[in-house]
Structures are given as structure tokens and as C-alpha cells.
């Protein structure tokens, strides 16, 4: 079994939404600022986030190891919408857009 210490890297699992907060997208990245810019600028115009104008950060978690971040991303993606809403509410009960933090 692998035992993870704090880790020296920066990885983020994040949840973003559209302007009307109707759609949620969960992703993982090593550079949240860059990734949010890619979503905003629709780097891949055929992607889910581009089609639904998903670019506003609602929630994120920081990890020191990519393996842990990927595992958490998968866990969140398996959650139903109500559970994701509760998760967002734990750090962002007003559902403010957090993009300006990065």
C-alpha cells in the first residue's frame, strides 16, 4: 500500500458551472488559473464546457499528489447533483464565483 505524505506538488479538483448555475463540471488540473482561462476561452470548442458555457469556479480542493486528486475527482463525478450541491455549500454557501481567487 502506498502511503502519501503531504506532497510537494499542487493539484486541484474543481467544480465549475455556467452563469445560471444549472450545469456542473468536475475536473482536475495542476494549474487552476490556467485551466479556468482555458474553459473561459473555450480552448476546445466541441467540449462539454464550451457547449454549455461552463467557466465559473464554485468549489475546489488542493492536493499534493496527482493520484489523490484523480481519485477525488472520480469520487465527486460519481456523486448525484444533490450531494454535489451539499459539497459546494460546505465552502461556498452563497455559490459565489471564485475565479478571482486564482
PDB file of N, CA and C in Angstrom:
ATOM      1  N   UNK A   1       0.837  -1.176   0.000  1.00  0.00           N
ATOM      2  CA  UNK A   1       0.000   0.000   0.000  1.00  0.00           C
ATOM      3  C   UNK A   1       0.886   1.244   0.000  1.00  0.00           C
ATOM      4  N   UNK A   2       0.524   2.224  -0.808  1.00  0.00           N
ATOM      5  CA  UNK A   2       1.269   3.479  -0.870  1.00  0.00           C
ATOM      6  C   UNK A   2       0.763   4.396   0.235  1.00  0.00           C
ATOM      7  N   UNK A   3       1.710   4.976   0.973  1.00  0.00           N
ATOM      8  CA  UNK A   3       1.343   5.944   1.995  1.00  0.00           C
ATOM      9  C   UNK A   3       1.758   7.327   1.500  1.00  0.00           C
ATOM     10  N   UNK A   4       0.824   8.250   1.479  1.00  0.00           N
ATOM     11  CA  UNK A   4       1.096   9.577   0.942  1.00  0.00           C
ATOM     12  C   UNK A   4       1.394  10.557   2.066  1.00  0.00           C
ATOM     13  N   UNK A   5       2.497  11.257   1.941  1.00  0.00           N
ATOM     14  CA  UNK A   5       2.800  12.349   2.860  1.00  0.00           C
ATOM     15  C   UNK A   5       2.123  13.599   2.319  1.00  0.00           C
ATOM     16  N   UNK A   6       2.455  14.736   2.832  1.00  0.00           N
ATOM     17  CA  UNK A   6       1.819  15.988   2.403  1.00  0.00           C
ATOM     18  C   UNK A   6       1.956  16.208   0.892  1.00  0.00           C
ATOM     19  N   UNK A   7       3.083  15.882   0.334  1.00  0.00           N
ATOM     20  CA  UNK A   7       3.286  16.084  -1.106  1.00  0.00           C
ATOM     21  C   UNK A   7       3.852  17.457  -1.376  1.00  0.00           C
ATOM     22  N   UNK A   8       4.586  17.578  -2.455  1.00  0.00           N
ATOM     23  CA  UNK A   8       5.236  18.852  -2.776  1.00  0.00           C
ATOM     24  C   UNK A   8       4.651  19.488  -4.030  1.00  0.00           C
ATOM     25  N   UNK A   9       3.627  18.908  -4.568  1.00  0.00           N
ATOM     26  CA  UNK A   9       3.053  19.384  -5.814  1.00  0.00           C
ATOM     27  C   UNK A   9       1.716  20.068  -5.560  1.00  0.00           C
ATOM     28  N   UNK A  10       1.202  20.712  -6.571  1.00  0.00           N
ATOM     29  CA  UNK A  10      -0.093  21.387  -6.475  1.00  0.00           C
ATOM     30  C   UNK A  10      -1.036  20.841  -7.533  1.00  0.00           C
ATOM     31  N   UNK A  11      -2.056  20.174  -7.075  1.00  0.00           N
ATOM     32  CA  UNK A  11      -3.107  19.683  -7.951  1.00  0.00           C
ATOM     33  C   UNK A  11      -4.437  20.108  -7.358  1.00  0.00           C
ATOM     34  N   UNK A  12      -5.382  20.387  -8.225  1.00  0.00           N
ATOM     35  CA  UNK A  12      -6.685  20.864  -7.786  1.00  0.00           C
ATOM     36  C   UNK A  12      -7.791  20.051  -8.441  1.00  0.00           C
ATOM     37  N   UNK A  13      -8.764  19.684  -7.640  1.00  0.00           N
ATOM     38  CA  UNK A  13     -10.023  19.158  -8.144  1.00  0.00           C
ATOM     39  C   UNK A  13     -10.994  20.319  -8.023  1.00  0.00           C
ATOM     40  N   UNK A  14     -11.755  20.571  -9.077  1.00  0.00           N
ATOM     41  CA  UNK A  14     -12.594  21.758  -9.084  1.00  0.00           C
ATOM     42  C   UNK A  14     -13.962  21.450  -9.670  1.00  0.00           C
ATOM     43  N   UNK A  15     -14.927  22.272  -9.273  1.00  0.00           N
ATOM     44  CA  UNK A  15     -16.270  22.207  -9.843  1.00  0.00           C
ATOM     45  C   UNK A  15     -16.581  23.590 -10.397  1.00  0.00           C
ATOM     46  N   UNK A  16     -16.965  23.621 -11.666  1.00  0.00           N
ATOM     47  CA  UNK A  16     -17.338  24.879 -12.315  1.00  0.00           C
ATOM     48  C   UNK A  16     -18.769  24.773 -12.827  1.00  0.00           C
ATOM     49  N   UNK A  17     -19.342  25.929 -13.119  1.00  0.00           N
ATOM     50  CA  UNK A  17     -20.728  25.993 -13.558  1.00  0.00           C
ATOM     51  C   UNK A  17     -20.881  27.049 -14.643  1.00  0.00           C
ATOM     52  N   UNK A  18     -22.102  27.181 -15.148  1.00  0.00           N
ATOM     53  CA  UNK A  18     -22.398  28.248 -16.110  1.00  0.00           C
ATOM     54  C   UNK A  18     -22.994  29.444 -15.362  1.00  0.00           C
ATOM     55  N   UNK A  19     -23.288  30.505 -16.071  1.00  0.00           N
ATOM     56  CA  UNK A  19     -23.770  31.739 -15.462  1.00  0.00           C
ATOM     57  C   UNK A  19     -25.040  31.524 -14.644  1.00  0.00           C
ATOM     58  N   UNK A  20     -25.925  30.647 -15.110  1.00  0.00           N
ATOM     59  CA  UNK A  20     -27.194  30.388 -14.428  1.00  0.00           C
ATOM     60  C   UNK A  20     -27.102  29.311 -13.352  1.00  0.00           C
ATOM     61  N   UNK A  21     -25.909  28.753 -13.175  1.00  0.00           N
ATOM     62  CA  UNK A  21     -25.649  27.728 -12.158  1.00  0.00           C
ATOM     63  C   UNK A  21     -26.521  26.480 -12.344  1.00  0.00           C
ATOM     64  N   UNK A  22     -26.777  26.132 -13.593  1.00  0.00           N
ATOM     65  CA  UNK A  22     -27.619  24.970 -13.905  1.00  0.00           C
ATOM     66  C   UNK A  22     -26.805  23.718 -14.216  1.00  0.00           C
ATOM     67  N   UNK A  23     -25.566  23.889 -14.638  1.00  0.00           N
ATOM     68  CA  UNK A  23     -24.724  22.778 -15.074  1.00  0.00           C
ATOM     69  C   UNK A  23     -23.482  22.733 -14.192  1.00  0.00           C
ATOM     70  N   UNK A  24     -23.047  21.537 -13.796  1.00  0.00           N
ATOM     71  CA  UNK A  24     -21.809  21.379 -13.033  1.00  0.00           C
ATOM     72  C   UNK A  24     -20.835  20.512 -13.810  1.00  0.00           C
ATOM     73  N   UNK A  25     -19.570  20.884 -13.750  1.00  0.00           N
ATOM     74  CA  UNK A  25     -18.500  20.114 -14.378  1.00  0.00           C
ATOM     75  C   UNK A  25     -17.389  19.951 -13.347  1.00  0.00           C
ATOM     76  N   UNK A  26     -16.881  18.746 -13.214  1.00  0.00           N
ATOM     77  CA  UNK A  26     -15.787  18.458 -12.286  1.00  0.00           C
ATOM     78  C   UNK A  26     -14.540  18.109 -13.077  1.00  0.00           C
ATOM     79  N   UNK A  27     -13.416  18.690 -12.676  1.00  0.00           N
ATOM     80  CA  UNK A  27     -12.162  18.419 -13.364  1.00  0.00           C
ATOM     81  C   UNK A  27     -10.993  18.398 -12.402  1.00  0.00           C
ATOM     82  N   UNK A  28      -9.810  18.085 -12.931  1.00  0.00           N
ATOM     83  CA  UNK A  28      -8.575  18.073 -12.148  1.00  0.00           C
ATOM     84  C   UNK A  28      -7.498  18.764 -12.975  1.00  0.00           C
ATOM     85  N   UNK A  29      -6.617  19.509 -12.310  1.00  0.00           N
ATOM     86  CA  UNK A  29      -5.559  20.239 -13.008  1.00  0.00           C
ATOM     87  C   UNK A  29      -4.397  20.496 -12.065  1.00  0.00           C
ATOM     88  N   UNK A  30      -3.240  20.816 -12.633  1.00  0.00           N
ATOM     89  CA  UNK A  30      -2.105  21.230 -11.818  1.00  0.00           C
ATOM     90  C   UNK A  30      -1.933  22.747 -11.824  1.00  0.00           C
ATOM     91  N   UNK A  31      -2.779  23.447 -12.573  1.00  0.00           N
ATOM     92  CA  UNK A  31      -2.714  24.905 -12.626  1.00  0.00           C
ATOM     93  C   UNK A  31      -4.139  25.425 -12.800  1.00  0.00           C
ATOM     94  N   UNK A  32      -4.762  25.758 -11.706  1.00  0.00           N
ATOM     95  CA  UNK A  32      -6.180  26.125 -11.742  1.00  0.00           C
ATOM     96  C   UNK A  32      -6.413  27.428 -12.506  1.00  0.00           C
ATOM     97  N   UNK A  33      -5.534  28.397 -12.348  1.00  0.00           N
ATOM     98  CA  UNK A  33      -5.694  29.664 -13.074  1.00  0.00           C
ATOM     99  C   UNK A  33      -5.681  29.435 -14.584  1.00  0.00           C
ATOM    100  N   UNK A  34      -4.683  28.684 -15.046  1.00  0.00           N
ATOM    101  CA  UNK A  34      -4.578  28.395 -16.487  1.00  0.00           C
ATOM    102  C   UNK A  34      -5.810  27.631 -16.975  1.00  0.00           C
ATOM    103  N   UNK A  35      -6.221  26.633 -16.193  1.00  0.00           N
ATOM    104  CA  UNK A  35      -7.346  25.792 -16.621  1.00  0.00           C
ATOM    105  C   UNK A  35      -8.647  26.580 -16.679  1.00  0.00           C
ATOM    106  N   UNK A  36      -8.865  27.467 -15.714  1.00  0.00           N
ATOM    107  CA  UNK A  36     -10.067  28.311 -15.754  1.00  0.00           C
ATOM    108  C   UNK A  36     -10.048  29.201 -16.996  1.00  0.00           C
ATOM    109  N   UNK A  37      -8.875  29.705 -17.351  1.00  0.00           N
ATOM    110  CA  UNK A  37      -8.745  30.506 -18.574  1.00  0.00           C
ATOM    111  C   UNK A  37      -9.056  29.695 -19.812  1.00  0.00           C
ATOM    112  N   UNK A  38      -8.635  28.448 -19.830  1.00  0.00           N
ATOM    113  CA  UNK A  38      -8.926  27.580 -20.973  1.00  0.00           C
ATOM    114  C   UNK A  38     -10.428  27.342 -21.104  1.00  0.00           C
ATOM    115  N   UNK A  39     -11.107  27.150 -19.977  1.00  0.00           N
ATOM    116  CA  UNK A  39     -12.563  26.985 -20.025  1.00  0.00           C
ATOM    117  C   UNK A  39     -13.226  28.275 -20.508  1.00  0.00           C
ATOM    118  N   UNK A  40     -12.789  29.407 -19.983  1.00  0.00           N
ATOM    119  CA  UNK A  40     -13.386  30.696 -20.355  1.00  0.00           C
ATOM    120  C   UNK A  40     -13.203  30.990 -21.842  1.00  0.00           C
ATOM    121  N   UNK A  41     -12.022  30.687 -22.361  1.00  0.00           N
ATOM    122  CA  UNK A  41     -11.705  30.977 -23.765  1.00  0.00           C
ATOM    123  C   UNK A  41     -12.111  29.848 -24.710  1.00  0.00           C
ATOM    124  N   UNK A  42     -12.771  28.821 -24.166  1.00  0.00           N
ATOM    125  CA  UNK A  42     -13.272  27.699 -24.967  1.00  0.00           C
ATOM    126  C   UNK A  42     -12.171  27.106 -25.848  1.00  0.00           C
ATOM    127  N   UNK A  43     -11.078  26.729 -25.187  1.00  0.00           N
ATOM    128  CA  UNK A  43      -9.915  26.174 -25.880  1.00  0.00           C
ATOM    129  C   UNK A  43     -10.311  25.026 -26.798  1.00  0.00           C
ATOM    130  N   UNK A  44     -11.214  24.185 -26.347  1.00  0.00           N
ATOM    131  CA  UNK A  44     -11.748  23.109 -27.182  1.00  0.00           C
ATOM    132  C   UNK A  44     -13.223  23.411 -27.433  1.00  0.00           C
ATOM    133  N   UNK A  45     -13.556  24.014 -28.577  1.00  0.00           N
ATOM    134  CA  UNK A  45     -14.929  24.469 -28.828  1.00  0.00           C
ATOM    135  C   UNK A  45     -15.976  23.361 -28.874  1.00  0.00           C
ATOM    136  N   UNK A  46     -15.553  22.114 -29.002  1.00  0.00           N
ATOM    137  CA  UNK A  46     -16.508  20.999 -29.038  1.00  0.00           C
ATOM    138  C   UNK A  46     -16.686  20.328 -27.681  1.00  0.00           C
ATOM    139  N   UNK A  47     -16.033  20.856 -26.667  1.00  0.00           N
ATOM    140  CA  UNK A  47     -16.095  20.230 -25.351  1.00  0.00           C
ATOM    141  C   UNK A  47     -17.419  20.514 -24.647  1.00  0.00           C
ATOM    142  N   UNK A  48     -17.709  19.729 -23.629  1.00  0.00           N
ATOM    143  CA  UNK A  48     -18.910  19.912 -22.809  1.00  0.00           C
ATOM    144  C   UNK A  48     -18.934  21.321 -22.212  1.00  0.00           C
ATOM    145  N   UNK A  49     -17.790  21.755 -21.658  1.00  0.00           N
ATOM    146  CA  UNK A  49     -17.763  23.064 -21.004  1.00  0.00           C
ATOM    147  C   UNK A  49     -17.977  24.203 -21.994  1.00  0.00           C
ATOM    148  N   UNK A  50     -17.479  24.054 -23.195  1.00  0.00           N
ATOM    149  CA  UNK A  50     -17.683  25.098 -24.212  1.00  0.00           C
ATOM    150  C   UNK A  50     -19.139  25.137 -24.668  1.00  0.00           C
ATOM    151  N   UNK A  51     -19.726  23.975 -24.900  1.00  0.00           N
ATOM    152  CA  UNK A  51     -21.124  23.921 -25.359  1.00  0.00           C
ATOM    153  C   UNK A  51     -22.089  24.517 -24.355  1.00  0.00           C
ATOM    154  N   UNK A  52     -21.805  24.322 -23.063  1.00  0.00           N
ATOM    155  CA  UNK A  52     -22.727  24.783 -22.023  1.00  0.00           C
ATOM    156  C   UNK A  52     -22.228  26.025 -21.290  1.00  0.00           C
ATOM    157  N   UNK A  53     -21.185  26.674 -21.829  1.00  0.00           N
ATOM    158  CA  UNK A  53     -20.630  27.909 -21.252  1.00  0.00           C
ATOM    159  C   UNK A  53     -20.286  27.755 -19.775  1.00  0.00           C
ATOM    160  N   UNK A  54     -19.621  26.671 -19.458  1.00  0.00           N
ATOM    161  CA  UNK A  54     -19.241  26.369 -18.078  1.00  0.00           C
ATOM    162  C   UNK A  54     -17.838  26.916 -17.840  1.00  0.00           C
ATOM    163  N   UNK A  55     -17.732  27.923 -16.985  1.00  0.00           N
ATOM    164  CA  UNK A  55     -16.443  28.561 -16.748  1.00  0.00           C
ATOM    165  C   UNK A  55     -16.296  29.187 -15.367  1.00  0.00           C
ATOM    166  N   UNK A  56     -17.315  29.123 -14.524  1.00  0.00           N
ATOM    167  CA  UNK A  56     -17.300  29.822 -13.245  1.00  0.00           C
ATOM    168  C   UNK A  56     -17.018  28.858 -12.096  1.00  0.00           C
ATOM    169  N   UNK A  57     -15.950  29.139 -11.361  1.00  0.00           N
ATOM    170  CA  UNK A  57     -15.494  28.276 -10.275  1.00  0.00           C
ATOM    171  C   UNK A  57     -16.393  28.402  -9.049  1.00  0.00           C
ATOM    172  N   UNK A  58     -16.893  27.252  -8.573  1.00  0.00           N
ATOM    173  CA  UNK A  58     -17.714  27.216  -7.361  1.00  0.00           C
ATOM    174  C   UNK A  58     -17.008  26.519  -6.202  1.00  0.00           C
ATOM    175  N   UNK A  59     -16.133  25.572  -6.516  1.00  0.00           N
ATOM    176  CA  UNK A  59     -15.568  24.704  -5.485  1.00  0.00           C
ATOM    177  C   UNK A  59     -14.213  24.185  -5.951  1.00  0.00           C
ATOM    178  N   UNK A  60     -13.291  24.028  -5.002  1.00  0.00           N
ATOM    179  CA  UNK A  60     -12.013  23.393  -5.326  1.00  0.00           C
ATOM    180  C   UNK A  60     -11.413  22.763  -4.074  1.00  0.00           C
ATOM    181  N   UNK A  61     -10.569  21.779  -4.298  1.00  0.00           N
ATOM    182  CA  UNK A  61      -9.785  21.132  -3.255  1.00  0.00           C
ATOM    183  C   UNK A  61      -8.348  21.051  -3.743  1.00  0.00           C
ATOM    184  N   UNK A  62      -7.401  21.221  -2.833  1.00  0.00           N
ATOM    185  CA  UNK A  62      -5.977  21.172  -3.159  1.00  0.00           C
ATOM    186  C   UNK A  62      -5.392  19.833  -2.711  1.00  0.00           C
ATOM    187  N   UNK A  63      -4.499  19.287  -3.546  1.00  0.00           N
ATOM    188  CA  UNK A  63      -3.816  18.032  -3.240  1.00  0.00           C
ATOM    189  C   UNK A  63      -2.334  18.160  -3.561  1.00  0.00           C
ATOM    190  N   UNK A  64      -1.517  17.411  -2.838  1.00  0.00           N
ATOM    191  CA  UNK A  64      -0.087  17.394  -3.093  1.00  0.00           C
ATOM    192  C   UNK A  64       0.352  16.260  -4.011  1.00  0.00           C
ATOM    193  N   UNK A  65      -0.569  15.353  -4.292  1.00  0.00           N
ATOM    194  CA  UNK A  65      -0.253  14.207  -5.142  1.00  0.00           C
ATOM    195  C   UNK A  65      -1.352  14.026  -6.185  1.00  0.00           C
ATOM    196  N   UNK A  66      -0.943  13.790  -7.430  1.00  0.00           N
ATOM    197  CA  UNK A  66      -1.913  13.633  -8.524  1.00  0.00           C
ATOM    198  C   UNK A  66      -2.805  12.413  -8.314  1.00  0.00           C
ATOM    199  N   UNK A  67      -2.258  11.346  -7.742  1.00  0.00           N
ATOM    200  CA  UNK A  67      -3.055  10.141  -7.532  1.00  0.00           C
ATOM    201  C   UNK A  67      -4.257  10.420  -6.632  1.00  0.00           C
ATOM    202  N   UNK A  68      -4.042  11.205  -5.592  1.00  0.00           N
ATOM    203  CA  UNK A  68      -5.131  11.554  -4.679  1.00  0.00           C
ATOM    204  C   UNK A  68      -6.140  12.476  -5.350  1.00  0.00           C
ATOM    205  N   UNK A  69      -5.646  13.411  -6.152  1.00  0.00           N
ATOM    206  CA  UNK A  69      -6.536  14.332  -6.857  1.00  0.00           C
ATOM    207  C   UNK A  69      -7.423  13.580  -7.853  1.00  0.00           C
ATOM    208  N   UNK A  70      -6.838  12.678  -8.593  1.00  0.00           N
ATOM    209  CA  UNK A  70      -7.614  11.899  -9.573  1.00  0.00           C
ATOM    210  C   UNK A  70      -8.651  11.033  -8.860  1.00  0.00           C
ATOM    211  N   UNK A  71      -8.261  10.420  -7.758  1.00  0.00           N
ATOM    212  CA  UNK A  71      -9.208   9.592  -7.007  1.00  0.00           C
ATOM    213  C   UNK A  71     -10.378  10.443  -6.502  1.00  0.00           C
ATOM    214  N   UNK A  72     -10.083  11.636  -6.017  1.00  0.00           N
ATOM    215  CA  UNK A  72     -11.153  12.518  -5.525  1.00  0.00           C
ATOM    216  C   UNK A  72     -12.048  12.990  -6.664  1.00  0.00           C
ATOM    217  N   UNK A  73     -11.449  13.320  -7.807  1.00  0.00           N
ATOM    218  CA  UNK A  73     -12.239  13.727  -8.971  1.00  0.00           C
ATOM    219  C   UNK A  73     -13.233  12.625  -9.342  1.00  0.00           C
ATOM    220  N   UNK A  74     -12.761  11.399  -9.387  1.00  0.00           N
ATOM    221  CA  UNK A  74     -13.645  10.269  -9.728  1.00  0.00           C
ATOM    222  C   UNK A  74     -14.758  10.121  -8.701  1.00  0.00           C
ATOM    223  N   UNK A  75     -14.415  10.310  -7.431  1.00  0.00           N
ATOM    224  CA  UNK A  75     -15.406  10.210  -6.361  1.00  0.00           C
ATOM    225  C   UNK A  75     -16.498  11.273  -6.536  1.00  0.00           C
ATOM    226  N   UNK A  76     -16.088  12.496  -6.814  1.00  0.00           N
ATOM    227  CA  UNK A  76     -17.060  13.586  -6.992  1.00  0.00           C
ATOM    228  C   UNK A  76     -17.917  13.344  -8.227  1.00  0.00           C
ATOM    229  N   UNK A  77     -17.306  12.870  -9.311  1.00  0.00           N
ATOM    230  CA  UNK A  77     -18.069  12.626 -10.539  1.00  0.00           C
ATOM    231  C   UNK A  77     -19.154  11.573 -10.353  1.00  0.00           C
ATOM    232  N   UNK A  78     -18.967  10.677  -9.390  1.00  0.00           N
ATOM    233  CA  UNK A  78     -19.971   9.645  -9.125  1.00  0.00           C
ATOM    234  C   UNK A  78     -21.112  10.151  -8.242  1.00  0.00           C
ATOM    235  N   UNK A  79     -20.960  11.311  -7.652  1.00  0.00           N
ATOM    236  CA  UNK A  79     -21.998  11.871  -6.783  1.00  0.00           C
ATOM    237  C   UNK A  79     -23.185  12.358  -7.599  1.00  0.00           C
ATOM    238  N   UNK A  80     -24.368  12.270  -7.021  1.00  0.00           N
ATOM    239  CA  UNK A  80     -25.524  12.856  -7.702  1.00  0.00           C
ATOM    240  C   UNK A  80     -25.541  14.370  -7.456  1.00  0.00           C
ATOM    241  N   UNK A  81     -26.405  15.057  -8.145  1.00  0.00           N
ATOM    242  CA  UNK A  81     -26.424  16.522  -8.094  1.00  0.00           C
ATOM    243  C   UNK A  81     -26.660  17.051  -6.672  1.00  0.00           C
ATOM    244  N   UNK A  82     -27.552  16.437  -5.926  1.00  0.00           N
ATOM    245  CA  UNK A  82     -27.832  16.908  -4.567  1.00  0.00           C
ATOM    246  C   UNK A  82     -26.596  16.833  -3.675  1.00  0.00           C
ATOM    247  N   UNK A  83     -25.835  15.774  -3.794  1.00  0.00           N
ATOM    248  CA  UNK A  83     -24.625  15.613  -2.986  1.00  0.00           C
ATOM    249  C   UNK A  83     -23.567  16.626  -3.418  1.00  0.00           C
ATOM    250  N   UNK A  84     -23.442  16.863  -4.716  1.00  0.00           N
ATOM    251  CA  UNK A  84     -22.506  17.886  -5.199  1.00  0.00           C
ATOM    252  C   UNK A  84     -22.910  19.262  -4.687  1.00  0.00           C
ATOM    253  N   UNK A  85     -24.204  19.549  -4.695  1.00  0.00           N
ATOM    254  CA  UNK A  85     -24.681  20.835  -4.167  1.00  0.00           C
ATOM    255  C   UNK A  85     -24.294  20.983  -2.703  1.00  0.00           C
ATOM    256  N   UNK A  86     -24.457  19.937  -1.911  1.00  0.00           N
ATOM    257  CA  UNK A  86     -24.084  19.972  -0.496  1.00  0.00           C
ATOM    258  C   UNK A  86     -22.581  20.176  -0.333  1.00  0.00           C
ATOM    259  N   UNK A  87     -21.799  19.537  -1.180  1.00  0.00           N
ATOM    260  CA  UNK A  87     -20.346  19.687  -1.138  1.00  0.00           C
ATOM    261  C   UNK A  87     -19.961  21.138  -1.401  1.00  0.00           C
ATOM    262  N   UNK A  88     -20.521  21.736  -2.422  1.00  0.00           N
ATOM    263  CA  UNK A  88     -20.250  23.143  -2.734  1.00  0.00           C
ATOM    264  C   UNK A  88     -20.637  24.030  -1.556  1.00  0.00           C
ATOM    265  N   UNK A  89     -21.774  23.736  -0.953  1.00  0.00           N
ATOM    266  CA  UNK A  89     -22.253  24.537   0.173  1.00  0.00           C
ATOM    267  C   UNK A  89     -21.317  24.516   1.370  1.00  0.00           C
ATOM    268  N   UNK A  90     -20.474  23.488   1.501  1.00  0.00           N
ATOM    269  CA  UNK A  90     -19.556  23.412   2.644  1.00  0.00           C
ATOM    270  C   UNK A  90     -18.531  24.534   2.631  1.00  0.00           C
ATOM    271  N   UNK A  91     -18.120  24.993   1.446  1.00  0.00           N
ATOM    272  CA  UNK A  91     -17.138  26.089   1.397  1.00  0.00           C
ATOM    273  C   UNK A  91     -17.681  27.340   0.728  1.00  0.00           C
ATOM    274  N   UNK A  92     -18.808  27.222   0.040  1.00  0.00           N
ATOM    275  CA  UNK A  92     -19.323  28.344  -0.734  1.00  0.00           C
ATOM    276  C   UNK A  92     -20.856  28.348  -0.683  1.00  0.00           C
ATOM    277  N   UNK A  93     -21.431  28.602   0.494  1.00  0.00           N
ATOM    278  CA  UNK A  93     -22.894  28.505   0.630  1.00  0.00           C
ATOM    279  C   UNK A  93     -23.672  29.512  -0.207  1.00  0.00           C
ATOM    280  N   UNK A  94     -23.050  30.604  -0.584  1.00  0.00           N
ATOM    281  CA  UNK A  94     -23.713  31.606  -1.423  1.00  0.00           C
ATOM    282  C   UNK A  94     -23.539  31.319  -2.911  1.00  0.00           C
ATOM    283  N   UNK A  95     -22.759  30.317  -3.224  1.00  0.00           N
ATOM    284  CA  UNK A  95     -22.450  29.943  -4.613  1.00  0.00           C
ATOM    285  C   UNK A  95     -21.872  31.131  -5.387  1.00  0.00           C
ATOM    286  N   UNK A  96     -20.968  31.855  -4.736  1.00  0.00           N
ATOM    287  CA  UNK A  96     -20.246  32.937  -5.397  1.00  0.00           C
ATOM    288  C   UNK A  96     -19.250  32.356  -6.385  1.00  0.00           C
ATOM    289  N   UNK A  97     -18.980  33.077  -7.451  1.00  0.00           N
ATOM    290  CA  UNK A  97     -17.968  32.649  -8.395  1.00  0.00           C
ATOM    291  C   UNK A  97     -16.604  32.968  -7.791  1.00  0.00           C
ATOM    292  N   UNK A  98     -15.726  31.976  -7.730  1.00  0.00           N
ATOM    293  CA  UNK A  98     -14.428  32.093  -7.046  1.00  0.00           C
ATOM    294  C   UNK A  98     -13.259  32.300  -7.997  1.00  0.00           C
ATOM    295  N   UNK A  99     -13.526  32.572  -9.251  1.00  0.00           N
ATOM    296  CA  UNK A  99     -12.468  32.711 -10.246  1.00  0.00           C
ATOM    297  C   UNK A  99     -11.420  33.752  -9.852  1.00  0.00           C
ATOM    298  N   UNK A 100     -11.845  34.811  -9.182  1.00  0.00           N
ATOM    299  CA  UNK A 100     -10.919  35.894  -8.851  1.00  0.00           C
ATOM    300  C   UNK A 100      -9.899  35.468  -7.795  1.00  0.00           C
ATOM    301  N   UNK A 101     -10.063  34.300  -7.171  1.00  0.00           N
ATOM    302  CA  UNK A 101      -9.090  33.811  -6.205  1.00  0.00           C
ATOM    303  C   UNK A 101      -7.843  33.283  -6.903  1.00  0.00           C
ATOM    304  N   UNK A 102      -7.956  33.018  -8.202  1.00  0.00           N
ATOM    305  CA  UNK A 102      -6.839  32.430  -8.953  1.00  0.00           C
ATOM    306  C   UNK A 102      -6.451  33.270 -10.139  1.00  0.00           C
TER     307      UNK A 102
END
